Amino acid sequence: MAGIDIPGGLQTDRHGRAIKGYLENILGELRNYLGNNVGRVTSRLNCSNTEQAIPVWAGTVEDSDVQKHRANVDVGDSRFGRINRSVVYEETVTDGRWGLHERDWTLGFSEKDQDPYGPGQAYGPKGGCMCQLYIAIRVPQGDRNRHVGTITVGFKNNLNDQDKAKASDIMKNGRASKEYVNYLVKTSNFNLGGPVF
């Protein structure tokens, strides 16, 4: 049976509901350790059939405070399955070391206006999450690894080094993140793309 290409095959209610559920679990696991400072979790998946960093928006979950702060900006299903170019996405999925990447948006949004990436919508900062952490979704492929997308976590306040390390561990190795990876690899039947290391 042929696999499902991203972005086209990603745009189904079944996959949208499933991904949202996994992101809610990641949000909950992070909040268990880091409290209400965790405001939102987003995921992008890479386009199929390429090793280039081409992100497709796969889902976002937010707490009610972030939703209220963001007010009239819709981040609902209209974005699901759309290509969403980003400097930090490219930086994160092309990092063969699988490092944590960070943005402090209080310093400005200039990278969101760079060609060919902008203009970026900055939904996280508009919701009051001015600190964002990014990690690649790493999937083993034989003796190599493929970075098939990202998990992004938005925080309402900056984190100390200890909390960043804890967040990084949960984003990489937490139960909820592992369940999301398992869904992407074994359940969804997606043809996963992205850089290989």
Protein backbone atom coordinates (compact mmCIF):
# COMPACT_ATOMS: atom_id res chain seq x y z
CA MET A 1 0.00 0.00 0.00
CA ALA A 2 1.37 3.41 -0.97
CA GLY A 3 2.10 5.86 1.78
CA ILE A 4 0.47 9.25 2.33
CA ASP A 5 2.35 12.25 0.99
CA ILE A 6 2.73 15.47 2.95
CA PRO A 7 1.23 18.02 2.49
CA GLY A 8 -1.68 16.63 0.43
CA GLY A 9 -2.47 13.58 2.53
CA LEU A 10 -2.00 15.48 5.78
CA GLN A 11 -5.15 17.51 5.17
CA THR A 12 -7.67 15.09 6.66
CA ASP A 13 -9.78 15.40 9.79
CA ARG A 14 -8.51 12.03 11.05
CA HIS A 15 -4.86 13.10 10.99
CA GLY A 16 -5.68 16.57 12.31
CA ARG A 17 -7.50 15.16 15.36
CA ALA A 18 -4.78 12.59 16.01
CA ILE A 19 -1.93 15.12 15.84
CA LYS A 20 -3.81 17.56 18.07
CA GLY A 21 -4.23 14.79 20.65
CA TYR A 22 -0.50 14.04 20.67
CA LEU A 23 0.35 17.73 20.99
CA GLU A 24 -2.09 18.08 23.90
CA ASN A 25 -0.29 15.19 25.62
CA ILE A 26 3.10 16.87 25.05
CA LEU A 27 1.70 20.14 26.46
CA GLY A 28 0.40 18.28 29.52
CA GLU A 29 3.68 16.48 30.14
CA LEU A 30 5.64 19.73 29.89
CA ARG A 31 3.22 21.49 32.25
CA ASN A 32 3.59 18.70 34.82
CA TYR A 33 7.24 19.70 35.18
CA LEU A 34 7.34 23.35 34.16
CA GLY A 35 3.91 24.63 35.20
CA ASN A 36 1.70 27.23 33.59
CA ASN A 37 4.63 28.99 31.93
CA VAL A 38 4.12 26.50 29.07
CA GLY A 39 1.54 28.15 26.82
CA ARG A 40 1.48 26.30 23.51
CA VAL A 41 2.87 23.41 21.52
CA THR A 42 3.11 23.40 17.72
CA SER A 43 4.35 20.85 15.21
CA ARG A 44 5.45 21.15 11.62
CA LEU A 45 6.17 18.13 9.42
CA ASN A 46 8.45 18.13 6.41
CA CYS A 47 7.19 17.70 2.85
CA SER A 48 7.49 14.14 1.57
CA ASN A 49 9.98 12.98 -1.05
CA THR A 50 12.67 15.55 -0.26
CA GLU A 51 15.59 16.05 2.07
CA GLN A 52 15.15 19.82 1.81
CA ALA A 53 13.73 21.63 4.84
CA ILE A 54 10.19 22.39 3.66
CA PRO A 55 7.80 22.64 6.63
CA VAL A 56 4.07 22.02 6.62
CA TRP A 57 1.96 23.17 9.55
CA ALA A 58 0.61 20.08 11.34
CA GLY A 59 -1.09 21.47 14.45
CA THR A 60 -1.13 23.73 17.48
CA VAL A 61 -2.58 23.45 20.97
CA GLU A 62 -2.71 26.39 23.40
CA ASP A 63 -3.96 27.12 26.86
CA SER A 64 -6.91 29.48 27.34
CA ASP A 65 -4.68 32.39 28.48
CA VAL A 66 -2.71 32.28 25.24
CA GLN A 67 -5.92 32.08 23.21
CA LYS A 68 -7.34 35.15 24.99
CA HIS A 69 -4.08 37.10 24.62
CA ARG A 70 -4.01 36.35 20.91
CA ALA A 71 -7.69 37.38 20.66
CA ASN A 72 -8.86 37.58 17.05
CA VAL A 73 -5.95 35.76 15.37
CA ASP A 74 -7.16 32.36 14.15
CA VAL A 75 -4.67 29.48 14.23
CA GLY A 76 -7.32 26.85 13.63
CA ASP A 77 -7.75 24.25 10.94
CA SER A 78 -7.26 26.76 8.11
CA ARG A 79 -3.46 26.41 8.53
CA PHE A 80 -3.45 22.61 8.71
CA GLY A 81 -1.40 21.07 5.91
CA ARG A 82 -0.09 24.33 4.46
CA ILE A 83 3.57 25.00 3.67
CA ASN A 84 4.93 27.39 6.28
CA ARG A 85 8.57 28.40 5.56
CA SER A 86 10.66 29.42 8.57
CA VAL A 87 14.28 30.30 9.32
CA VAL A 88 14.24 28.51 12.67
CA TYR A 89 12.56 25.42 11.18
CA GLU A 90 15.35 25.09 8.62
CA GLU A 91 17.98 25.72 11.29
CA THR A 92 16.47 23.06 13.57
CA VAL A 93 15.85 20.21 11.11
CA THR A 94 19.27 20.63 9.47
CA ASP A 95 21.06 20.36 12.83
CA GLY A 96 22.59 16.89 12.72
CA ARG A 97 23.57 17.22 16.40
CA TRP A 98 19.82 17.24 17.30
CA GLY A 99 20.28 20.36 19.41
CA LEU A 100 17.68 22.54 21.08
CA HIS A 101 17.07 25.85 19.28
CA GLU A 102 15.68 28.93 20.94
CA ARG A 103 14.11 32.26 20.03
CA ASP A 104 13.59 35.22 22.33
CA TRP A 105 11.05 37.23 20.35
CA THR A 106 11.37 40.21 22.68
CA LEU A 107 14.48 40.95 20.60
CA GLY A 108 12.40 41.46 17.44
CA PHE A 109 10.97 39.61 14.47
CA SER A 110 13.37 40.55 11.66
CA GLU A 111 14.00 36.92 10.64
CA LYS A 112 10.29 36.46 9.99
CA ASP A 113 10.50 38.98 7.17
CA GLN A 114 13.54 37.50 5.40
CA ASP A 115 13.10 36.20 1.85
CA PRO A 116 11.96 33.53 1.11
CA TYR A 117 10.60 32.96 4.62
CA GLY A 118 8.38 35.92 5.39
CA PRO A 119 6.25 37.45 6.29
CA GLY A 120 5.82 35.17 9.28
CA GLN A 121 2.61 35.28 11.28
CA ALA A 122 4.27 35.16 14.75
CA TYR A 123 1.21 33.52 16.30
CA GLY A 124 3.17 32.35 19.35
CA PRO A 125 4.47 35.79 20.30
CA LYS A 126 1.06 37.31 19.53
CA GLY A 127 -0.29 34.90 22.14
CA GLY A 128 2.22 36.10 24.72
CA CYS A 129 4.75 33.28 24.22
CA MET A 130 7.85 35.36 23.63
CA CYS A 131 10.25 32.50 24.37
CA GLN A 132 10.09 29.51 22.03
CA LEU A 133 12.11 26.29 22.02
CA TYR A 134 12.42 24.06 18.95
CA ILE A 135 13.60 20.48 18.54
CA ALA A 136 13.71 18.29 15.44
CA ILE A 137 11.51 15.20 15.34
CA ARG A 138 14.16 12.51 14.84
CA VAL A 139 13.21 9.18 13.26
CA PRO A 140 15.70 6.29 12.93
CA GLN A 141 16.19 4.97 9.38
CA GLY A 142 18.59 2.06 9.38
CA ASP A 143 21.94 3.30 10.66
CA ARG A 144 20.97 6.93 10.03
CA ASN A 145 18.34 9.39 11.28
CA ARG A 146 15.85 11.59 9.45
CA HIS A 147 14.57 14.88 10.87
CA VAL A 148 10.93 14.76 9.73
CA GLY A 149 9.68 17.97 11.35
CA THR A 150 9.76 19.98 14.56
CA ILE A 151 8.08 20.33 17.91
CA THR A 152 7.91 23.93 19.10
CA VAL A 153 7.03 24.95 22.65
CA GLY A 154 6.03 28.50 23.54
CA PHE A 155 6.68 29.88 27.03
CA LYS A 156 5.18 32.99 28.59
CA ASN A 157 8.45 33.84 30.37
CA ASN A 158 12.09 33.04 29.70
CA LEU A 159 13.52 29.86 31.16
CA ASN A 160 16.61 29.27 33.23
CA ASP A 161 19.17 26.73 31.98
CA GLN A 162 17.84 23.94 34.19
CA ASP A 163 14.28 24.37 32.88
CA LYS A 164 15.52 24.52 29.27
CA ALA A 165 17.36 21.23 29.80
CA LYS A 166 14.22 19.66 31.28
CA ALA A 167 12.07 20.96 28.41
CA SER A 168 14.59 19.63 25.87
CA ASP A 169 14.56 16.18 27.46
CA ILE A 170 10.74 16.04 27.44
CA MET A 171 10.57 17.28 23.84
CA LYS A 172 13.09 14.62 22.72
CA ASN A 173 12.49 11.69 25.05
CA GLY A 174 9.23 12.23 26.92
CA ARG A 175 6.50 9.58 26.77
CA ALA A 176 4.15 11.88 24.85
CA SER A 177 6.81 12.84 22.29
CA LYS A 178 7.72 9.17 21.75
CA GLU A 179 4.04 8.35 21.20
CA TYR A 180 3.84 11.13 18.60
CA VAL A 181 6.92 9.78 16.79
CA ASN A 182 5.44 6.27 16.91
CA TYR A 183 2.24 7.59 15.33
CA LEU A 184 4.18 9.34 12.58
CA VAL A 185 6.32 6.28 11.81
CA LYS A 186 3.98 3.33 12.35
CA THR A 187 0.36 4.45 12.39
CA SER A 188 -0.10 7.39 10.06
CA ASN A 189 1.43 5.80 6.93
CA PHE A 190 2.98 9.17 6.05
CA ASN A 191 5.85 9.32 3.59
CA LEU A 192 8.18 11.25 5.88
CA GLY A 193 10.64 13.67 4.32
CA GLY A 194 13.41 15.84 5.71
CA PRO A 195 17.21 15.92 6.08
CA VAL A 196 19.02 12.64 6.76
CA PHE A 197 22.10 12.31 9.00
